[in-house]
C-alpha cells in the first residue's frame, strides 16, 4: 500500500453512515452504534426481512457473500431511517421502537447515495436491474413515516438510479442513472418533481454515483468501467460540460469537506482500470486530484464477494468504510 496520508485509525465498523461532532451512526453485523451528544446505545436491527439468511449474520465473509451487510441509515429528529433488503424502517430513539413503513422497494437496497437526506425531504432512488415497472423515486416530508412516489422512469428506459443529490444553490434535486450509454442520464428537478429537466444523456460522461455542488458548476467523476474515467464539470451558466483529469479507474464516491475534497476509485472489472489497486485522491482546487494512497483488493472473487470499495460517511468528519480491501475489509478508516 502506498500512503501519503497522515496516520489514520482503523475502526471496527462495516459502515459508518454518519459522522459529525454531535452525531455518529455506524453498523457492524446486526448491531447499530448510535451516539448523539452524551447518549450512546447499541441497537439491534430488525431481521424479519432476512428469512433463513439471518443465521449467517455472525460470519463476515458470509455476510459479504449474501449481502447481509448492505444497509443504509440516515438520521431524523426522532431517530433514524434504515433500508434493508427492500424494506424501509424507522427507529424512534425515545420509544426504542422499530416500525416497518408500508413501502416495498423494487430493489434490495438503493446505492449509498441513492438515499438523500435534504432540507426538501428524504428521497429514495431504486437500484437493481431494470424491470417491467420502471425505477421509481420516493419522497418523504415527515421524516420517513410516509412516502410518495414522485417520479417513475419508463420501464427499461434506464437500468437503475445511481445517485440523488441536493443542489443547495438552486434548491433542486439532481438524479444520475446508468449503466450503458442509453441508460446514462442526468436530471434536475423541483423538490416535488413537478418540473423535471434533462441535463444530459447518452454517454458514459453522464454516468456518476455522486455529485459535488459548487456555485458555478456541478462536478463528478465518471464511474464507468467501460472507458477512460475523467473528472467532469457541468457549467451552470451555459450548460457546457468540461472534461477534466483522468484517474486510474471508476470512482463511485467523492465528497467535499470545505477546503478540500476526497475521491476513491473502486476495484471492479473493466477496460477503464489502469491497475489492480484502489486509489484515494485529494484535491484543494477541484481541478488537480493528487493520488495520496493506494490499497489492494483482498483477492476474493469479485462476482461473489463484490468489488473493492471505499465509501465516505455523511457528515463533516472524514471516515472511510472499506469493503474488499486487503487488511481492511469490513473496517472503517478515521483520518
Protein backbone atom coordinates (compact mmCIF):
# COMPACT_ATOMS: atom_id res chain seq x y z
CA UNK A 1 0.00 0.00 0.00
CA UNK A 2 1.27 3.45 -0.94
CA UNK A 3 0.35 6.04 1.66
CA UNK A 4 0.93 9.80 1.64
CA UNK A 5 -1.70 10.37 4.34
CA UNK A 6 -1.06 11.25 7.94
CA UNK A 7 -1.63 8.45 10.42
CA UNK A 8 -5.12 7.03 10.48
CA UNK A 9 -7.10 4.94 12.92
CA UNK A 10 -8.93 1.73 11.98
CA UNK A 11 -12.41 1.32 13.49
CA UNK A 12 -14.29 -1.96 13.75
CA UNK A 13 -17.40 -0.90 11.80
CA UNK A 14 -18.54 -2.28 8.44
CA UNK A 15 -20.08 1.06 7.57
CA UNK A 16 -20.09 4.47 9.20
CA UNK A 17 -23.22 6.14 7.89
CA UNK A 18 -23.00 9.49 9.67
CA UNK A 19 -20.04 11.13 11.39
CA UNK A 20 -20.39 14.61 12.84
CA UNK A 21 -19.23 16.23 16.05
CA UNK A 22 -22.60 15.66 17.73
CA UNK A 23 -23.87 12.57 15.89
CA UNK A 24 -22.36 9.20 14.97
CA UNK A 25 -24.19 6.26 13.35
CA UNK A 26 -22.43 3.07 12.26
CA UNK A 27 -23.12 -0.63 12.00
CA UNK A 28 -21.40 -3.99 12.14
CA UNK A 29 -23.27 -7.25 11.51
CA UNK A 30 -26.71 -6.77 13.06
CA UNK A 31 -25.84 -4.02 15.52
CA UNK A 32 -26.07 -0.25 15.07
CA UNK A 33 -23.91 2.03 17.18
CA UNK A 34 -25.71 5.32 17.78
CA UNK A 35 -24.10 8.27 19.59
CA UNK A 36 -25.76 11.66 19.95
CA UNK A 37 -24.06 14.05 22.33
CA UNK A 38 -23.93 12.10 25.63
CA UNK A 39 -26.37 9.40 24.55
CA UNK A 40 -24.69 6.20 23.29
CA UNK A 41 -26.50 2.95 22.62
CA UNK A 42 -26.26 -0.30 20.68
CA UNK A 43 -29.41 -1.15 18.72
CA UNK A 44 -30.21 -4.50 17.09
CA UNK A 45 -31.57 -4.24 13.56
CA UNK A 46 -34.81 -5.97 12.53
CA UNK A 47 -34.23 -9.33 10.85
CA UNK A 48 -37.74 -10.15 9.62
CA UNK A 49 -36.68 -9.30 6.06
CA UNK A 50 -33.75 -11.75 6.06
CA UNK A 51 -35.53 -15.08 6.48
CA UNK A 52 -33.18 -18.08 6.80
CA UNK A 53 -30.17 -15.96 5.91
CA UNK A 54 -30.09 -14.38 9.36
CA UNK A 55 -28.39 -17.49 10.82
CA UNK A 56 -25.22 -16.48 8.93
CA UNK A 57 -25.11 -12.98 10.39
CA UNK A 58 -22.12 -13.68 12.71
CA UNK A 59 -19.77 -14.59 9.81
CA UNK A 60 -18.25 -11.61 7.97
CA UNK A 61 -17.38 -13.44 4.73
CA UNK A 62 -20.89 -14.90 4.51
CA UNK A 63 -22.45 -11.51 5.26
CA UNK A 64 -20.46 -10.19 2.33
CA UNK A 65 -21.44 -13.11 0.07
CA UNK A 66 -25.17 -12.88 0.88
CA UNK A 67 -25.21 -9.04 1.04
CA UNK A 68 -26.36 -9.17 4.65
CA UNK A 69 -24.12 -6.22 5.47
CA UNK A 70 -25.87 -3.98 2.94
CA UNK A 71 -27.95 -1.47 4.88
CA UNK A 72 -28.31 2.29 4.57
CA UNK A 73 -29.10 4.57 7.53
CA UNK A 74 -29.90 8.28 7.68
CA UNK A 75 -30.80 10.34 10.77
CA UNK A 76 -34.05 12.18 11.53
CA UNK A 77 -35.03 14.19 14.59
CA UNK A 78 -36.78 11.23 16.26
CA UNK A 79 -34.04 8.69 15.47
CA UNK A 80 -33.16 7.31 12.05
CA UNK A 81 -34.35 5.56 8.90
CA UNK A 82 -33.00 2.16 7.89
CA UNK A 83 -33.24 0.49 4.47
CA UNK A 84 -32.57 -3.26 4.36
CA UNK A 85 -33.47 -5.91 1.76
CA UNK A 86 -36.12 -3.77 0.10
CA UNK A 87 -37.75 -2.75 3.40
CA UNK A 88 -37.84 0.73 4.88
CA UNK A 89 -37.86 1.06 8.68
CA UNK A 90 -37.93 3.96 11.11
CA UNK A 91 -36.47 3.77 14.60
CA UNK A 92 -37.69 6.01 17.41
CA UNK A 93 -34.94 6.66 19.92
CA UNK A 94 -37.28 7.84 22.69
CA UNK A 95 -39.56 4.80 22.45
CA UNK A 96 -36.82 2.30 21.47
CA UNK A 97 -39.15 1.02 18.78
CA UNK A 98 -38.84 -0.11 15.14
CA UNK A 99 -41.60 0.49 12.62
CA UNK A 100 -41.73 -1.13 9.17
CA UNK A 101 -43.03 1.56 6.84
CA UNK A 102 -45.59 0.50 4.26
CA UNK A 103 -43.28 0.74 1.24
CA UNK A 104 -41.52 -2.09 -0.57
CA UNK A 105 -38.75 -1.16 -2.99
CA UNK A 106 -38.12 -2.86 -6.34
CA UNK A 107 -34.52 -3.49 -5.33
CA UNK A 108 -32.62 -4.96 -2.40
CA UNK A 109 -31.18 -1.57 -1.47
CA UNK A 110 -30.57 1.75 -3.18
CA UNK A 111 -26.97 2.70 -3.82
CA UNK A 112 -25.32 4.55 -0.96
CA UNK A 113 -26.07 7.95 -2.50
CA UNK A 114 -29.49 6.77 -3.66
CA UNK A 115 -30.80 7.73 -0.22
CA UNK A 116 -30.83 11.53 0.05
CA UNK A 117 -31.46 13.44 3.27
CA UNK A 118 -32.10 17.08 2.35
CA UNK A 119 -33.90 20.20 3.57
CA UNK A 120 -36.61 19.47 0.98
CA UNK A 121 -37.28 15.99 2.30
CA UNK A 122 -35.84 12.48 2.25
CA UNK A 123 -35.62 10.70 -1.10
CA UNK A 124 -35.02 7.10 -2.21
CA UNK A 125 -33.99 6.14 -5.75
CA UNK A 126 -34.35 2.47 -6.70
CA UNK A 127 -31.30 0.45 -7.77
CA UNK A 128 -31.18 -3.17 -9.01
CA UNK A 129 -31.74 -4.48 -12.54
CA UNK A 130 -34.23 -2.94 -14.94
CA UNK A 131 -37.75 -4.36 -14.78
CA UNK A 132 -41.22 -4.08 -16.26
CA UNK A 133 -42.28 -1.47 -13.71
CA UNK A 134 -39.55 1.12 -14.18
CA UNK A 135 -37.35 2.57 -11.46
CA UNK A 136 -39.01 4.96 -9.02
CA UNK A 137 -38.09 7.87 -6.78
CA UNK A 138 -39.88 8.21 -3.44
CA UNK A 139 -40.09 11.27 -1.21
CA UNK A 140 -40.95 11.67 2.47
CA UNK A 141 -41.67 15.04 4.06
CA UNK A 142 -42.48 13.61 7.51
CA UNK A 143 -39.12 12.03 8.37
CA UNK A 144 -39.87 8.65 6.83
CA UNK A 145 -43.28 7.93 8.32
CA UNK A 146 -44.96 8.05 4.90
CA UNK A 147 -43.69 8.06 1.32
CA UNK A 148 -44.94 9.23 -2.05
CA UNK A 149 -43.67 8.14 -5.47
CA UNK A 150 -42.75 11.46 -7.07
CA UNK A 151 -41.14 10.15 -10.26
CA UNK A 152 -41.13 6.93 -12.26
CA UNK A 153 -38.88 6.12 -15.21
CA UNK A 154 -40.44 4.26 -18.10
CA UNK A 155 -39.81 0.53 -18.00
CA UNK A 156 -36.38 -0.36 -19.42
CA UNK A 157 -35.51 3.31 -20.07
CA UNK A 158 -32.69 3.02 -17.53
CA UNK A 159 -31.13 0.14 -15.66
CA UNK A 160 -31.18 1.83 -12.27
CA UNK A 161 -30.67 5.02 -10.26
CA UNK A 162 -27.12 5.70 -9.08
CA UNK A 163 -27.39 8.90 -7.11
CA UNK A 164 -29.71 11.61 -5.82
CA UNK A 165 -28.11 14.94 -4.92
CA UNK A 166 -29.37 18.14 -3.30
CA UNK A 167 -28.25 21.31 -5.07
CA UNK A 168 -28.15 23.87 -2.28
CA UNK A 169 -27.61 26.72 -4.75
CA UNK A 170 -30.65 26.17 -6.97
CA UNK A 171 -32.71 24.21 -4.40
CA UNK A 172 -33.15 21.34 -6.85
CA UNK A 173 -32.76 17.55 -6.84
CA UNK A 174 -30.25 16.02 -9.27
CA UNK A 175 -30.66 12.43 -10.45
CA UNK A 176 -27.92 10.27 -12.02
CA UNK A 177 -28.70 6.94 -13.73
CA UNK A 178 -26.81 4.16 -15.58
CA UNK A 179 -25.24 1.88 -16.78
CA UNK A 180 -24.95 1.56 -20.58
CA UNK A 181 -24.78 4.69 -22.73
CA UNK A 182 -28.52 4.67 -23.38
CA UNK A 183 -29.20 4.31 -19.62
CA UNK A 184 -26.98 7.22 -18.56
CA UNK A 185 -28.97 10.35 -17.75
CA UNK A 186 -28.64 13.38 -15.53
CA UNK A 187 -31.89 15.07 -14.49
CA UNK A 188 -32.60 18.21 -12.47
CA UNK A 189 -35.96 18.51 -10.72
CA UNK A 190 -38.05 20.63 -8.41
CA UNK A 191 -38.28 19.09 -4.92
CA UNK A 192 -41.75 17.71 -5.71
CA UNK A 193 -40.66 16.66 -9.25
CA UNK A 194 -43.40 18.83 -10.76
CA UNK A 195 -40.78 20.08 -13.22
CA UNK A 196 -38.01 17.76 -14.44
CA UNK A 197 -35.26 18.85 -16.84
CA UNK A 198 -32.78 16.55 -18.56
CA UNK A 199 -29.28 18.00 -18.28
CA UNK A 200 -27.54 15.37 -20.41
CA UNK A 201 -27.68 11.75 -21.54
CA UNK A 202 -26.41 9.09 -23.91
CA UNK A 203 -22.77 8.55 -22.94
CA UNK A 204 -20.56 7.44 -20.06
CA UNK A 205 -19.62 11.02 -19.20
CA UNK A 206 -23.11 11.34 -17.65
CA UNK A 207 -22.63 8.21 -15.52
CA UNK A 208 -21.89 9.00 -11.87
CA UNK A 209 -22.66 7.86 -8.32
CA UNK A 210 -22.08 11.19 -6.58
CA UNK A 211 -22.15 14.94 -7.25
CA UNK A 212 -20.26 17.92 -5.84
CA UNK A 213 -22.35 21.09 -6.00
CA UNK A 214 -20.49 24.38 -6.32
CA UNK A 215 -21.71 27.89 -7.01
CA UNK A 216 -20.98 27.90 -10.74
CA UNK A 217 -20.59 24.21 -11.50
CA UNK A 218 -21.84 20.72 -10.69
CA UNK A 219 -18.98 18.21 -10.70
CA UNK A 220 -18.49 14.47 -10.64
CA UNK A 221 -16.18 11.62 -11.55
CA UNK A 222 -17.38 9.09 -14.09
CA UNK A 223 -17.96 5.68 -12.56
CA UNK A 224 -17.60 3.90 -15.88
CA UNK A 225 -15.66 0.60 -16.12
CA UNK A 226 -16.10 0.78 -19.89
CA UNK A 227 -13.90 3.72 -20.87
CA UNK A 228 -11.32 6.16 -19.52
CA UNK A 229 -12.55 7.89 -16.35
CA UNK A 230 -12.47 11.69 -16.10
CA UNK A 231 -13.47 14.38 -13.64
CA UNK A 232 -16.43 16.19 -15.21
CA UNK A 233 -17.71 19.74 -14.69
CA UNK A 234 -21.12 20.99 -15.76
CA UNK A 235 -21.17 24.79 -16.07
CA UNK A 236 -24.45 26.24 -14.87
CA UNK A 237 -24.23 29.46 -16.92
CA UNK A 238 -24.10 27.92 -20.39
CA UNK A 239 -24.83 24.23 -19.85
CA UNK A 240 -21.45 23.16 -21.21
CA UNK A 241 -19.73 20.02 -19.95
CA UNK A 242 -15.97 20.11 -19.33
CA UNK A 243 -13.77 17.00 -19.33
CA UNK A 244 -11.02 17.11 -16.73
CA UNK A 245 -8.34 14.91 -15.20
CA UNK A 246 -8.02 11.20 -15.94
CA UNK A 247 -7.89 8.83 -12.97
CA UNK A 248 -6.93 5.19 -12.54
CA UNK A 249 -10.41 3.66 -12.60
CA UNK A 250 -14.12 4.11 -11.88
CA UNK A 251 -14.97 6.34 -8.93
CA UNK A 252 -18.21 5.69 -7.11
CA UNK A 253 -17.77 8.07 -4.20
CA UNK A 254 -16.34 11.55 -3.73
CA UNK A 255 -17.04 14.09 -1.00
CA UNK A 256 -16.33 17.75 -0.37
CA UNK A 257 -15.01 18.80 3.05
CA UNK A 258 -14.98 22.58 2.80
CA UNK A 259 -11.48 23.49 1.64
CA UNK A 260 -10.73 20.10 0.09
CA UNK A 261 -12.38 17.03 -1.39
CA UNK A 262 -11.63 13.31 -1.43
CA UNK A 263 -12.46 10.65 -4.01
CA UNK A 264 -11.90 6.89 -4.04
CA UNK A 265 -11.67 4.60 -7.04
CA UNK A 266 -13.24 1.16 -6.88
CA UNK A 267 -11.61 -2.09 -7.88
CA UNK A 268 -14.05 -3.90 -10.14
CA UNK A 269 -13.62 -5.27 -13.68
CA UNK A 270 -13.47 -3.42 -16.96
CA UNK A 271 -11.36 -1.61 -19.54
CA UNK A 272 -11.09 1.66 -17.62
CA UNK A 273 -8.85 0.20 -14.91
CA UNK A 274 -5.22 1.22 -15.26
CA UNK A 275 -4.06 -1.14 -12.48
CA UNK A 276 -5.41 -3.53 -9.83
CA UNK A 277 -5.47 -1.04 -6.97
CA UNK A 278 -7.93 1.23 -5.21
CA UNK A 279 -6.79 4.87 -5.25
CA UNK A 280 -7.60 7.62 -2.77
CA UNK A 281 -7.43 11.11 -4.30
CA UNK A 282 -7.38 14.56 -2.72
CA UNK A 283 -7.95 17.97 -4.29
CA UNK A 284 -7.85 21.52 -2.91
CA UNK A 285 -8.70 23.30 -6.18
CA UNK A 286 -11.24 20.83 -7.66
CA UNK A 287 -9.09 20.64 -10.79
CA UNK A 288 -6.00 18.68 -9.81
CA UNK A 289 -6.56 15.41 -7.97
CA UNK A 290 -3.50 14.01 -6.19
CA UNK A 291 -3.15 10.29 -5.57
CA UNK A 292 -2.46 10.18 -1.82
CA UNK A 293 -2.84 6.45 -1.11
CA UNK A 294 -3.38 3.11 -2.82
CA UNK A 295 -4.86 -0.10 -1.46
CA UNK A 296 -5.06 -3.67 -2.76
CA UNK A 297 -8.19 -5.69 -3.37
CA UNK A 298 -8.32 -8.64 -0.97
CA UNK A 299 -8.45 -11.20 -3.78
CA UNK A 300 -11.82 -12.81 -3.03
CA UNK A 301 -13.78 -13.48 -6.26
CA UNK A 302 -15.48 -10.24 -7.22
CA UNK A 303 -18.51 -11.86 -8.81
CA UNK A 304 -19.44 -13.44 -5.46
CA UNK A 305 -17.83 -11.26 -2.80
CA UNK A 306 -18.21 -7.90 -4.58
CA UNK A 307 -15.79 -5.24 -5.66
CA UNK A 308 -13.29 -3.33 -3.59
CA UNK A 309 -14.87 -0.07 -2.44
CA UNK A 310 -14.17 2.85 -0.11
CA UNK A 311 -17.22 4.86 1.00
CA UNK A 312 -17.25 8.26 2.72
CA UNK A 313 -19.51 8.75 5.72
CA UNK A 314 -22.03 11.58 5.56
CA UNK A 315 -21.26 14.45 7.90
CA UNK A 316 -18.23 16.65 8.48
CA UNK A 317 -15.74 14.06 9.79
CA UNK A 318 -13.57 12.06 7.40
CA UNK A 319 -14.37 8.38 7.84
CA UNK A 320 -13.97 5.88 5.01
CA UNK A 321 -15.62 2.44 5.17
CA UNK A 322 -13.87 -0.35 3.27
CA UNK A 323 -15.10 -3.47 1.53
CA UNK A 324 -12.94 -5.98 -0.29
CA UNK A 325 -9.81 -4.01 0.67
CA UNK A 326 -6.83 -6.10 1.76
CA UNK A 327 -6.43 -5.89 5.53
CA UNK A 328 -9.40 -3.50 5.87
CA UNK A 329 -12.45 -5.45 4.70
CA UNK A 330 -15.39 -4.64 6.98
CA UNK A 331 -13.41 -1.87 8.69
CA UNK A 332 -13.51 1.93 8.65
CA UNK A 333 -10.59 4.36 8.42
CA UNK A 334 -10.76 7.54 10.51
CA UNK A 335 -8.43 10.34 9.36
